[in-house]
N, C-alpha and C. Protein backbone atom coordinates (compact mmCIF):
# COMPACT_ATOMS: atom_id res chain seq x y z
N MET A 1 -58.57 -33.63 -168.43
CA MET A 1 -58.87 -35.00 -168.12
C MET A 1 -59.56 -35.05 -166.77
N LYS A 2 -60.59 -35.83 -166.70
CA LYS A 2 -61.36 -35.94 -165.47
C LYS A 2 -61.45 -37.42 -165.08
N VAL A 3 -61.47 -37.66 -163.76
CA VAL A 3 -61.56 -39.02 -163.23
C VAL A 3 -62.74 -39.08 -162.28
N GLN A 4 -63.60 -40.06 -162.47
CA GLN A 4 -64.77 -40.27 -161.61
C GLN A 4 -64.33 -41.10 -160.40
N VAL A 5 -64.58 -40.60 -159.19
CA VAL A 5 -64.17 -41.30 -157.97
C VAL A 5 -64.87 -42.65 -157.86
N ASP A 6 -66.15 -42.72 -158.23
CA ASP A 6 -66.88 -44.00 -158.15
C ASP A 6 -66.27 -45.04 -159.08
N ASP A 7 -65.72 -44.62 -160.22
CA ASP A 7 -65.06 -45.56 -161.13
C ASP A 7 -63.79 -46.14 -160.50
N LEU A 8 -63.09 -45.32 -159.71
CA LEU A 8 -61.88 -45.81 -159.03
C LEU A 8 -62.21 -46.92 -158.04
N LYS A 9 -63.34 -46.77 -157.38
CA LYS A 9 -63.73 -47.77 -156.37
C LYS A 9 -63.96 -49.14 -156.99
N GLY A 10 -64.38 -49.19 -158.25
CA GLY A 10 -64.68 -50.45 -158.90
C GLY A 10 -63.49 -51.10 -159.59
N LEU A 11 -62.36 -50.42 -159.65
CA LEU A 11 -61.18 -50.97 -160.33
C LEU A 11 -60.40 -51.92 -159.41
N PRO A 12 -59.67 -52.87 -159.99
CA PRO A 12 -58.81 -53.72 -159.17
C PRO A 12 -57.78 -52.88 -158.42
N HIS A 13 -57.62 -53.14 -157.17
CA HIS A 13 -56.71 -52.41 -156.28
C HIS A 13 -57.11 -50.93 -156.17
N HIS A 14 -58.28 -50.58 -156.63
CA HIS A 14 -58.79 -49.19 -156.57
C HIS A 14 -57.77 -48.20 -157.14
N ARG A 15 -57.13 -48.56 -158.23
CA ARG A 15 -56.04 -47.76 -158.79
C ARG A 15 -56.21 -47.63 -160.30
N LEU A 16 -55.97 -46.42 -160.79
CA LEU A 16 -56.00 -46.15 -162.22
C LEU A 16 -54.67 -45.52 -162.62
N ASP A 17 -53.91 -46.20 -163.47
CA ASP A 17 -52.66 -45.66 -164.01
C ASP A 17 -52.95 -45.16 -165.42
N PHE A 18 -52.50 -43.96 -165.73
CA PHE A 18 -52.79 -43.39 -167.04
C PHE A 18 -51.68 -42.44 -167.48
N VAL A 19 -51.65 -42.21 -168.78
CA VAL A 19 -50.70 -41.27 -169.37
C VAL A 19 -51.43 -39.95 -169.55
N PHE A 20 -50.84 -38.89 -169.03
CA PHE A 20 -51.42 -37.55 -169.14
C PHE A 20 -50.68 -36.82 -170.25
N ARG A 21 -51.42 -36.21 -171.17
CA ARG A 21 -50.84 -35.40 -172.25
C ARG A 21 -51.87 -34.36 -172.65
N GLU A 22 -51.66 -33.14 -172.19
CA GLU A 22 -52.59 -32.06 -172.52
C GLU A 22 -51.86 -30.74 -172.62
N GLU A 23 -52.40 -29.87 -173.47
CA GLU A 23 -51.94 -28.49 -173.56
C GLU A 23 -52.50 -27.74 -172.35
N LEU A 24 -51.68 -26.95 -171.72
CA LEU A 24 -52.13 -26.15 -170.58
C LEU A 24 -52.24 -24.70 -171.02
N SER A 25 -53.47 -24.23 -171.16
CA SER A 25 -53.66 -22.84 -171.57
C SER A 25 -53.34 -21.93 -170.38
N GLU A 26 -53.04 -20.70 -170.68
CA GLU A 26 -52.75 -19.68 -169.69
C GLU A 26 -51.51 -19.99 -168.85
N THR A 27 -50.60 -20.77 -169.40
CA THR A 27 -49.29 -20.97 -168.77
C THR A 27 -48.24 -20.61 -169.81
N GLN A 28 -46.99 -20.63 -169.39
CA GLN A 28 -45.91 -20.32 -170.31
C GLN A 28 -45.36 -21.58 -170.97
N ALA A 29 -46.10 -22.68 -170.83
CA ALA A 29 -45.68 -23.94 -171.45
C ALA A 29 -45.93 -23.89 -172.95
N ILE A 30 -44.90 -24.24 -173.72
CA ILE A 30 -45.06 -24.25 -175.18
C ILE A 30 -45.23 -25.66 -175.72
N LYS A 31 -45.00 -26.64 -174.89
CA LYS A 31 -45.21 -28.04 -175.24
C LYS A 31 -46.29 -28.60 -174.32
N PRO A 32 -46.99 -29.62 -174.74
CA PRO A 32 -47.99 -30.22 -173.85
C PRO A 32 -47.32 -30.79 -172.59
N ALA A 33 -48.05 -30.75 -171.50
CA ALA A 33 -47.57 -31.40 -170.27
C ALA A 33 -47.80 -32.90 -170.45
N VAL A 34 -46.74 -33.68 -170.29
CA VAL A 34 -46.83 -35.13 -170.47
C VAL A 34 -46.26 -35.83 -169.25
N GLY A 35 -46.82 -36.99 -168.96
CA GLY A 35 -46.30 -37.78 -167.85
C GLY A 35 -47.21 -38.93 -167.53
N GLU A 36 -46.77 -39.74 -166.59
CA GLU A 36 -47.54 -40.87 -166.12
C GLU A 36 -48.04 -40.56 -164.72
N LEU A 37 -49.35 -40.72 -164.53
CA LEU A 37 -49.97 -40.43 -163.24
C LEU A 37 -50.76 -41.65 -162.77
N SER A 38 -51.00 -41.69 -161.48
CA SER A 38 -51.83 -42.73 -160.87
C SER A 38 -52.84 -42.05 -159.97
N ALA A 39 -54.07 -42.54 -160.01
CA ALA A 39 -55.11 -42.10 -159.09
C ALA A 39 -55.52 -43.32 -158.28
N MET A 40 -55.43 -43.20 -156.95
CA MET A 40 -55.72 -44.33 -156.07
C MET A 40 -56.80 -43.94 -155.07
N TRP A 41 -57.78 -44.80 -154.90
CA TRP A 41 -58.84 -44.56 -153.93
C TRP A 41 -58.58 -45.39 -152.69
N SER A 42 -58.83 -44.79 -151.52
CA SER A 42 -58.80 -45.51 -150.25
C SER A 42 -59.91 -44.94 -149.38
N ALA A 43 -60.09 -45.49 -148.21
CA ALA A 43 -61.16 -45.02 -147.32
C ALA A 43 -60.95 -43.58 -146.90
N SER A 44 -59.70 -43.12 -146.93
CA SER A 44 -59.42 -41.74 -146.51
C SER A 44 -59.47 -40.75 -147.67
N GLY A 45 -59.74 -41.20 -148.89
CA GLY A 45 -59.85 -40.28 -150.01
C GLY A 45 -59.13 -40.79 -151.24
N VAL A 46 -58.70 -39.85 -152.08
CA VAL A 46 -58.04 -40.17 -153.35
C VAL A 46 -56.68 -39.49 -153.37
N ARG A 47 -55.69 -40.23 -153.83
CA ARG A 47 -54.35 -39.68 -153.99
C ARG A 47 -53.99 -39.73 -155.48
N VAL A 48 -53.51 -38.60 -155.99
CA VAL A 48 -53.03 -38.50 -157.37
C VAL A 48 -51.53 -38.25 -157.30
N GLU A 49 -50.76 -39.14 -157.95
CA GLU A 49 -49.31 -38.97 -157.91
C GLU A 49 -48.70 -39.39 -159.23
N GLY A 50 -47.50 -38.90 -159.45
CA GLY A 50 -46.78 -39.21 -160.68
C GLY A 50 -45.81 -38.10 -161.01
N GLN A 51 -45.37 -38.05 -162.25
CA GLN A 51 -44.43 -37.03 -162.69
C GLN A 51 -44.87 -36.46 -164.03
N ILE A 52 -44.75 -35.14 -164.14
CA ILE A 52 -45.14 -34.41 -165.34
C ILE A 52 -43.92 -33.64 -165.85
N LYS A 53 -43.77 -33.59 -167.17
CA LYS A 53 -42.70 -32.81 -167.79
C LYS A 53 -43.30 -31.89 -168.84
N THR A 54 -42.70 -30.71 -168.97
CA THR A 54 -43.11 -29.77 -170.01
C THR A 54 -41.95 -28.83 -170.31
N LEU A 55 -42.12 -27.98 -171.29
CA LEU A 55 -41.11 -27.01 -171.68
C LEU A 55 -41.73 -25.62 -171.60
N LEU A 56 -41.04 -24.72 -170.91
CA LEU A 56 -41.52 -23.35 -170.74
C LEU A 56 -40.72 -22.39 -171.61
N LYS A 57 -41.38 -21.37 -172.11
CA LYS A 57 -40.69 -20.27 -172.79
C LYS A 57 -40.83 -19.06 -171.87
N LEU A 58 -39.69 -18.60 -171.36
CA LEU A 58 -39.67 -17.51 -170.40
C LEU A 58 -38.83 -16.36 -170.96
N ASN A 59 -38.98 -15.20 -170.36
CA ASN A 59 -38.14 -14.05 -170.70
C ASN A 59 -37.26 -13.75 -169.51
N CYS A 60 -35.96 -13.63 -169.77
CA CYS A 60 -35.01 -13.34 -168.71
C CYS A 60 -35.35 -11.98 -168.10
N ASP A 61 -35.39 -11.91 -166.78
CA ASP A 61 -35.71 -10.66 -166.10
C ASP A 61 -34.56 -9.67 -166.15
N ARG A 62 -33.38 -10.11 -166.52
CA ARG A 62 -32.23 -9.23 -166.56
C ARG A 62 -31.96 -8.69 -167.96
N CYS A 63 -31.84 -9.59 -168.94
CA CYS A 63 -31.50 -9.13 -170.30
C CYS A 63 -32.72 -9.05 -171.22
N LEU A 64 -33.86 -9.51 -170.77
CA LEU A 64 -35.14 -9.46 -171.49
C LEU A 64 -35.21 -10.41 -172.69
N ASN A 65 -34.21 -11.25 -172.89
CA ASN A 65 -34.21 -12.19 -174.01
C ASN A 65 -35.02 -13.43 -173.65
N PRO A 66 -35.71 -14.00 -174.63
CA PRO A 66 -36.44 -15.24 -174.35
C PRO A 66 -35.48 -16.42 -174.24
N TYR A 67 -35.87 -17.39 -173.44
CA TYR A 67 -35.11 -18.64 -173.33
C TYR A 67 -36.07 -19.76 -172.96
N PHE A 68 -35.63 -20.98 -173.13
CA PHE A 68 -36.46 -22.15 -172.85
C PHE A 68 -35.94 -22.85 -171.60
N GLN A 69 -36.88 -23.35 -170.81
CA GLN A 69 -36.51 -24.09 -169.60
C GLN A 69 -37.40 -25.31 -169.49
N SER A 70 -36.76 -26.48 -169.34
CA SER A 70 -37.55 -27.69 -169.15
C SER A 70 -37.99 -27.76 -167.69
N LEU A 71 -39.11 -28.38 -167.48
CA LEU A 71 -39.69 -28.46 -166.14
C LEU A 71 -40.14 -29.89 -165.89
N SER A 72 -39.70 -30.45 -164.78
CA SER A 72 -40.10 -31.79 -164.37
C SER A 72 -40.67 -31.67 -162.96
N ILE A 73 -41.92 -32.08 -162.79
CA ILE A 73 -42.64 -31.86 -161.53
C ILE A 73 -43.14 -33.19 -160.99
N ASP A 74 -42.91 -33.41 -159.72
CA ASP A 74 -43.50 -34.56 -159.03
C ASP A 74 -44.86 -34.14 -158.50
N ILE A 75 -45.88 -34.88 -158.86
CA ILE A 75 -47.25 -34.61 -158.41
C ILE A 75 -47.56 -35.54 -157.25
N ASP A 76 -48.06 -35.00 -156.17
CA ASP A 76 -48.53 -35.80 -155.04
C ASP A 76 -49.65 -35.00 -154.37
N GLU A 77 -50.86 -35.24 -154.79
CA GLU A 77 -52.02 -34.48 -154.33
C GLU A 77 -53.01 -35.42 -153.66
N ARG A 78 -53.50 -35.00 -152.51
CA ARG A 78 -54.48 -35.82 -151.79
C ARG A 78 -55.81 -35.09 -151.71
N PHE A 79 -56.88 -35.84 -151.94
CA PHE A 79 -58.24 -35.33 -151.85
C PHE A 79 -58.96 -36.15 -150.79
N VAL A 80 -59.58 -35.47 -149.84
CA VAL A 80 -60.29 -36.17 -148.76
C VAL A 80 -61.74 -35.72 -148.73
N PRO A 81 -62.63 -36.58 -148.19
CA PRO A 81 -64.03 -36.16 -148.05
C PRO A 81 -64.13 -34.97 -147.08
N ASN A 82 -65.16 -34.18 -147.25
CA ASN A 82 -65.35 -33.01 -146.39
C ASN A 82 -65.44 -33.39 -144.92
N SER A 83 -65.91 -34.60 -144.62
CA SER A 83 -66.03 -35.02 -143.22
C SER A 83 -64.67 -35.17 -142.55
N TYR A 84 -63.59 -35.33 -143.32
CA TYR A 84 -62.25 -35.45 -142.75
C TYR A 84 -61.64 -34.09 -142.44
N LEU A 85 -62.17 -33.06 -143.04
CA LEU A 85 -61.62 -31.73 -142.82
C LEU A 85 -62.20 -31.13 -141.56
N VAL A 86 -61.35 -30.59 -140.72
CA VAL A 86 -61.80 -29.96 -139.48
C VAL A 86 -62.13 -28.52 -139.80
N ILE A 87 -63.40 -28.19 -139.66
CA ILE A 87 -63.86 -26.83 -139.92
C ILE A 87 -64.35 -26.27 -138.60
N PRO A 88 -63.71 -25.20 -138.07
CA PRO A 88 -64.14 -24.65 -136.79
C PRO A 88 -65.56 -24.08 -136.88
N GLU A 89 -66.30 -24.26 -135.82
CA GLU A 89 -67.66 -23.73 -135.77
C GLU A 89 -67.60 -22.22 -135.70
N GLU A 90 -68.68 -21.59 -136.15
CA GLU A 90 -68.73 -20.13 -136.11
C GLU A 90 -68.69 -19.66 -134.66
N GLY A 91 -67.95 -18.59 -134.43
CA GLY A 91 -67.86 -18.05 -133.09
C GLY A 91 -66.69 -18.62 -132.31
N LYS A 92 -66.13 -19.72 -132.72
CA LYS A 92 -64.98 -20.30 -132.03
C LYS A 92 -63.71 -19.86 -132.73
N ASN A 93 -62.80 -19.37 -131.95
CA ASN A 93 -61.50 -18.99 -132.50
C ASN A 93 -60.48 -20.01 -132.01
N GLU A 94 -60.34 -21.10 -132.74
CA GLU A 94 -59.38 -22.12 -132.36
C GLU A 94 -58.01 -21.71 -132.87
N LYS A 95 -57.03 -21.82 -131.99
CA LYS A 95 -55.66 -21.55 -132.40
C LYS A 95 -54.98 -22.87 -132.69
N HIS A 96 -54.33 -22.93 -133.83
CA HIS A 96 -53.59 -24.12 -134.22
C HIS A 96 -52.11 -23.77 -134.22
N ASP A 97 -51.46 -24.08 -133.11
CA ASP A 97 -50.02 -23.85 -133.03
C ASP A 97 -49.30 -25.15 -133.34
N GLY A 98 -48.19 -25.03 -133.96
CA GLY A 98 -47.40 -26.21 -134.26
C GLY A 98 -46.96 -26.23 -135.70
N GLU A 99 -46.13 -27.18 -135.98
CA GLU A 99 -45.55 -27.31 -137.30
C GLU A 99 -46.51 -28.02 -138.24
N LEU A 100 -46.63 -27.50 -139.45
CA LEU A 100 -47.43 -28.18 -140.47
C LEU A 100 -46.63 -29.35 -141.02
N LEU A 101 -47.27 -30.49 -141.12
CA LEU A 101 -46.62 -31.69 -141.64
C LEU A 101 -47.07 -31.95 -143.07
N ARG A 102 -46.38 -32.86 -143.73
CA ARG A 102 -46.70 -33.18 -145.13
C ARG A 102 -48.15 -33.63 -145.28
N ASP A 103 -48.67 -34.36 -144.32
CA ASP A 103 -50.04 -34.87 -144.41
C ASP A 103 -51.10 -33.81 -144.12
N ASP A 104 -50.69 -32.61 -143.76
CA ASP A 104 -51.65 -31.55 -143.46
C ASP A 104 -52.16 -30.84 -144.72
N PHE A 105 -51.58 -31.11 -145.86
CA PHE A 105 -51.95 -30.42 -147.09
C PHE A 105 -52.84 -31.32 -147.93
N VAL A 106 -54.13 -31.11 -147.83
CA VAL A 106 -55.11 -31.91 -148.56
C VAL A 106 -56.15 -30.99 -149.17
N GLU A 107 -56.83 -31.49 -150.18
CA GLU A 107 -57.92 -30.78 -150.84
C GLU A 107 -59.21 -31.55 -150.59
N PRO A 108 -60.33 -30.85 -150.53
CA PRO A 108 -61.60 -31.58 -150.39
C PRO A 108 -61.99 -32.26 -151.70
N LEU A 109 -62.58 -33.43 -151.59
CA LEU A 109 -63.12 -34.10 -152.77
C LEU A 109 -64.26 -33.26 -153.34
N PRO A 110 -64.34 -33.10 -154.63
CA PRO A 110 -65.46 -32.35 -155.21
C PRO A 110 -66.79 -33.02 -154.88
N ASP A 111 -67.82 -32.22 -154.69
CA ASP A 111 -69.15 -32.75 -154.34
C ASP A 111 -69.71 -33.65 -155.43
N ASP A 112 -69.37 -33.37 -156.69
CA ASP A 112 -69.89 -34.19 -157.78
C ASP A 112 -69.10 -35.49 -157.99
N GLY A 113 -67.99 -35.67 -157.24
CA GLY A 113 -67.22 -36.90 -157.33
C GLY A 113 -66.33 -37.00 -158.55
N ILE A 114 -66.10 -35.88 -159.23
CA ILE A 114 -65.26 -35.89 -160.43
C ILE A 114 -64.00 -35.06 -160.16
N LEU A 115 -62.83 -35.71 -160.25
CA LEU A 115 -61.56 -35.02 -160.06
C LEU A 115 -61.07 -34.46 -161.39
N ASP A 116 -60.71 -33.20 -161.39
CA ASP A 116 -60.17 -32.56 -162.59
C ASP A 116 -58.65 -32.66 -162.54
N ILE A 117 -58.11 -33.66 -163.21
CA ILE A 117 -56.66 -33.90 -163.20
C ILE A 117 -55.93 -32.77 -163.92
N THR A 118 -56.54 -32.20 -164.96
CA THR A 118 -55.92 -31.10 -165.68
C THR A 118 -55.68 -29.92 -164.74
N ASP A 119 -56.61 -29.65 -163.84
CA ASP A 119 -56.45 -28.55 -162.89
C ASP A 119 -55.32 -28.84 -161.90
N VAL A 120 -55.20 -30.08 -161.47
CA VAL A 120 -54.11 -30.46 -160.57
C VAL A 120 -52.76 -30.22 -161.25
N VAL A 121 -52.63 -30.63 -162.51
CA VAL A 121 -51.39 -30.44 -163.25
C VAL A 121 -51.15 -28.95 -163.52
N TYR A 122 -52.20 -28.22 -163.87
CA TYR A 122 -52.07 -26.77 -164.11
C TYR A 122 -51.52 -26.06 -162.87
N GLN A 123 -52.08 -26.39 -161.71
CA GLN A 123 -51.61 -25.77 -160.46
C GLN A 123 -50.15 -26.11 -160.19
N ALA A 124 -49.77 -27.36 -160.43
CA ALA A 124 -48.39 -27.78 -160.18
C ALA A 124 -47.42 -27.05 -161.12
N VAL A 125 -47.78 -26.91 -162.39
CA VAL A 125 -46.91 -26.21 -163.35
C VAL A 125 -46.82 -24.73 -162.99
N THR A 126 -47.93 -24.13 -162.62
CA THR A 126 -47.94 -22.72 -162.25
C THR A 126 -47.06 -22.47 -161.03
N LEU A 127 -47.16 -23.33 -160.02
CA LEU A 127 -46.36 -23.15 -158.81
C LEU A 127 -44.88 -23.44 -159.05
N ALA A 128 -44.56 -24.29 -160.02
CA ALA A 128 -43.16 -24.63 -160.30
C ALA A 128 -42.50 -23.66 -161.27
N THR A 129 -43.28 -22.80 -161.92
CA THR A 129 -42.71 -21.81 -162.84
C THR A 129 -41.91 -20.80 -162.02
N PRO A 130 -40.67 -20.53 -162.40
CA PRO A 130 -39.85 -19.60 -161.61
C PRO A 130 -40.45 -18.19 -161.58
N THR A 131 -40.34 -17.55 -160.42
CA THR A 131 -40.82 -16.18 -160.30
C THR A 131 -39.76 -15.19 -160.80
N TYR A 132 -38.50 -15.53 -160.61
CA TYR A 132 -37.41 -14.73 -161.17
C TYR A 132 -36.77 -15.55 -162.27
N CYS A 133 -36.83 -15.06 -163.47
CA CYS A 133 -36.33 -15.81 -164.62
C CYS A 133 -34.94 -15.32 -164.99
N SER A 134 -34.01 -16.26 -165.11
CA SER A 134 -32.65 -15.94 -165.51
C SER A 134 -32.21 -16.93 -166.58
N CYS A 135 -31.65 -16.40 -167.66
CA CYS A 135 -31.25 -17.28 -168.76
C CYS A 135 -29.96 -18.02 -168.47
N GLY A 136 -29.31 -17.74 -167.36
CA GLY A 136 -28.14 -18.51 -166.95
C GLY A 136 -26.94 -17.64 -166.61
N ASP A 137 -25.82 -18.31 -166.35
CA ASP A 137 -24.59 -17.61 -165.96
C ASP A 137 -24.02 -16.76 -167.08
N GLU A 138 -24.34 -17.10 -168.30
CA GLU A 138 -23.83 -16.36 -169.46
C GLU A 138 -24.74 -15.21 -169.87
N CYS A 139 -25.63 -14.77 -168.99
CA CYS A 139 -26.57 -13.68 -169.30
C CYS A 139 -25.79 -12.41 -169.64
N PRO A 140 -26.09 -11.76 -170.76
CA PRO A 140 -25.35 -10.56 -171.14
C PRO A 140 -25.69 -9.34 -170.29
N GLY A 141 -26.68 -9.41 -169.47
CA GLY A 141 -27.06 -8.28 -168.64
C GLY A 141 -28.12 -7.42 -169.29
N PRO A 142 -28.38 -6.24 -168.70
CA PRO A 142 -29.42 -5.37 -169.26
C PRO A 142 -29.08 -4.96 -170.69
N PRO A 143 -30.11 -4.80 -171.53
CA PRO A 143 -29.86 -4.41 -172.92
C PRO A 143 -29.25 -3.02 -173.00
N GLU A 144 -28.44 -2.81 -174.03
CA GLU A 144 -27.81 -1.51 -174.22
C GLU A 144 -28.86 -0.49 -174.63
N ARG A 145 -28.70 0.70 -174.12
CA ARG A 145 -29.61 1.79 -174.44
C ARG A 145 -29.22 2.39 -175.78
N ALA A 146 -30.21 2.70 -176.57
CA ALA A 146 -29.96 3.32 -177.88
C ALA A 146 -29.48 4.74 -177.67
N THR A 147 -28.50 5.18 -178.43
CA THR A 147 -28.04 6.56 -178.31
C THR A 147 -29.12 7.47 -178.83
N GLY A 148 -29.31 8.58 -178.13
CA GLY A 148 -30.36 9.51 -178.54
C GLY A 148 -31.72 9.04 -178.09
N GLY A 149 -31.78 8.27 -177.04
CA GLY A 149 -33.04 7.74 -176.53
C GLY A 149 -33.82 8.80 -175.78
N ALA A 150 -34.47 8.43 -174.73
CA ALA A 150 -35.35 9.33 -173.98
C ALA A 150 -34.58 10.49 -173.38
N SER A 151 -33.31 10.25 -172.96
CA SER A 151 -32.56 11.34 -172.36
C SER A 151 -31.68 12.06 -173.38
N GLY A 152 -31.60 11.53 -174.62
CA GLY A 152 -30.87 12.22 -175.67
C GLY A 152 -29.37 12.01 -175.62
N GLY A 153 -28.88 11.06 -174.91
CA GLY A 153 -27.45 10.82 -174.85
C GLY A 153 -27.07 10.22 -173.52
N LYS A 154 -25.84 10.53 -173.09
CA LYS A 154 -25.35 9.95 -171.84
C LYS A 154 -25.99 10.64 -170.65
N ALA A 155 -26.15 9.90 -169.58
CA ALA A 155 -26.73 10.46 -168.36
C ALA A 155 -25.68 11.33 -167.69
N THR A 156 -26.09 12.47 -167.18
CA THR A 156 -25.17 13.36 -166.50
C THR A 156 -25.64 13.56 -165.08
N ALA A 157 -24.67 13.82 -164.21
CA ALA A 157 -24.99 14.08 -162.81
C ALA A 157 -24.12 15.25 -162.36
N LYS A 158 -24.69 16.19 -161.61
CA LYS A 158 -23.95 17.34 -161.12
C LYS A 158 -23.19 16.95 -159.87
N SER A 159 -21.94 17.37 -159.79
CA SER A 159 -21.17 17.12 -158.57
C SER A 159 -21.42 18.26 -157.60
N GLY A 160 -20.99 18.09 -156.37
CA GLY A 160 -21.23 19.10 -155.35
C GLY A 160 -20.47 20.38 -155.63
N ALA A 161 -19.37 20.34 -156.40
CA ALA A 161 -18.56 21.51 -156.67
C ALA A 161 -19.09 22.33 -157.83
N GLY A 162 -20.18 21.95 -158.41
CA GLY A 162 -20.77 22.72 -159.49
C GLY A 162 -20.38 22.22 -160.86
N GLY A 163 -19.36 21.36 -160.97
CA GLY A 163 -18.98 20.79 -162.26
C GLY A 163 -19.89 19.62 -162.57
N SER A 164 -19.78 19.14 -163.78
CA SER A 164 -20.59 17.98 -164.14
C SER A 164 -19.68 16.86 -164.60
N LYS A 165 -20.10 15.64 -164.34
CA LYS A 165 -19.36 14.49 -164.84
C LYS A 165 -20.35 13.56 -165.53
N THR A 166 -19.85 12.77 -166.43
CA THR A 166 -20.70 11.90 -167.23
C THR A 166 -20.70 10.50 -166.63
N ASP A 167 -21.88 9.92 -166.56
CA ASP A 167 -22.04 8.54 -166.11
C ASP A 167 -22.21 7.68 -167.35
N ASP A 168 -21.24 6.81 -167.63
CA ASP A 168 -21.27 6.01 -168.85
C ASP A 168 -22.14 4.77 -168.75
N ARG A 169 -22.67 4.49 -167.59
CA ARG A 169 -23.50 3.29 -167.45
C ARG A 169 -24.84 3.50 -168.16
N PRO A 170 -25.27 2.49 -168.93
CA PRO A 170 -26.56 2.63 -169.63
C PRO A 170 -27.72 2.52 -168.65
N ILE A 171 -28.79 3.22 -168.98
CA ILE A 171 -30.01 3.16 -168.18
C ILE A 171 -30.89 2.06 -168.75
N ASP A 172 -31.39 1.23 -167.89
CA ASP A 172 -32.26 0.12 -168.31
C ASP A 172 -33.48 0.70 -169.01
N PRO A 173 -33.79 0.26 -170.24
CA PRO A 173 -34.92 0.83 -171.00
C PRO A 173 -36.27 0.61 -170.33
N ARG A 174 -36.34 -0.33 -169.40
CA ARG A 174 -37.62 -0.55 -168.72
C ARG A 174 -37.98 0.61 -167.80
N TRP A 175 -37.00 1.44 -167.44
CA TRP A 175 -37.25 2.56 -166.53
C TRP A 175 -37.54 3.87 -167.27
N LYS A 176 -37.44 3.87 -168.60
CA LYS A 176 -37.56 5.14 -169.33
C LYS A 176 -38.94 5.78 -169.18
N ASN A 177 -39.98 5.01 -168.92
CA ASN A 177 -41.31 5.60 -168.75
C ASN A 177 -41.42 6.42 -167.47
N LEU A 178 -40.51 6.24 -166.53
CA LEU A 178 -40.55 7.06 -165.31
C LEU A 178 -40.27 8.53 -165.62
N LYS A 179 -39.56 8.79 -166.70
CA LYS A 179 -39.30 10.18 -167.08
C LYS A 179 -40.59 10.94 -167.36
N THR A 180 -41.61 10.24 -167.81
CA THR A 180 -42.87 10.91 -168.12
C THR A 180 -43.61 11.33 -166.86
N LEU A 181 -43.27 10.74 -165.71
CA LEU A 181 -43.94 11.12 -164.46
C LEU A 181 -43.52 12.51 -163.99
N PHE A 182 -42.25 12.85 -164.21
CA PHE A 182 -41.73 14.14 -163.77
C PHE A 182 -41.04 14.83 -164.94
N PRO A 183 -41.82 15.34 -165.90
CA PRO A 183 -41.20 15.91 -167.11
C PRO A 183 -40.41 17.18 -166.83
N ASN A 184 -40.71 17.92 -165.76
CA ASN A 184 -40.05 19.19 -165.49
C ASN A 184 -38.77 19.03 -164.69
N GLU A 185 -38.43 17.85 -164.24
CA GLU A 185 -37.24 17.64 -163.43
C GLU A 185 -35.97 17.99 -164.20
N ASP A 186 -35.90 17.67 -165.49
CA ASP A 186 -34.71 17.98 -166.27
C ASP A 186 -34.50 19.49 -166.39
N SER A 187 -35.59 20.26 -166.54
CA SER A 187 -35.46 21.71 -166.69
C SER A 187 -35.04 22.35 -165.37
N LYS A 188 -35.45 21.81 -164.22
CA LYS A 188 -35.05 22.36 -162.93
C LYS A 188 -33.57 22.12 -162.68
N GLU A 189 -33.06 20.95 -163.10
CA GLU A 189 -31.65 20.64 -162.90
C GLU A 189 -30.77 21.55 -163.74
N ASN A 190 -31.23 21.94 -164.92
CA ASN A 190 -30.42 22.74 -165.83
C ASN A 190 -30.45 24.23 -165.49
N SER A 191 -31.34 24.70 -164.62
CA SER A 191 -31.41 26.13 -164.33
C SER A 191 -30.64 26.51 -163.10
């Protein structure tokens, strides 16, 4: 969905309220992102705000099982003309010390005057998607290793006294490809 900035200027109160409903490709959303948004024009630029909801299908990073997570995001994006942005001249190294405030996060208005609302929503959904996925407190943990897998049975470790003891803990199957990096390590341990 795209909004023309010049069209906003001609509307009453310079405001456009609309319902957003679009599929977001290249995200983990399995349902369309839906919500009510407003685009408002003022002398300092355009503000897009509202709330978006969607449903994500994620894989738990611990047990590897898929699960669904609902996502509700508050959108508050400001676009300002390039003349409002302070761009240091070449050769000047200006230091900006101090705390960043909420009003310091703005985007430049596109040169063609067309705001891509779908991109604003896509960025918000991408940033709100969890980086560590957990299916919850009832997570069963890492999947059980199949008997007779890459190591052929239970993992063994040599003790300092020369005897061996068995480690009954399963090895996470995501690590089994590391065995291919050092194929001769098992033969050195056994000799």
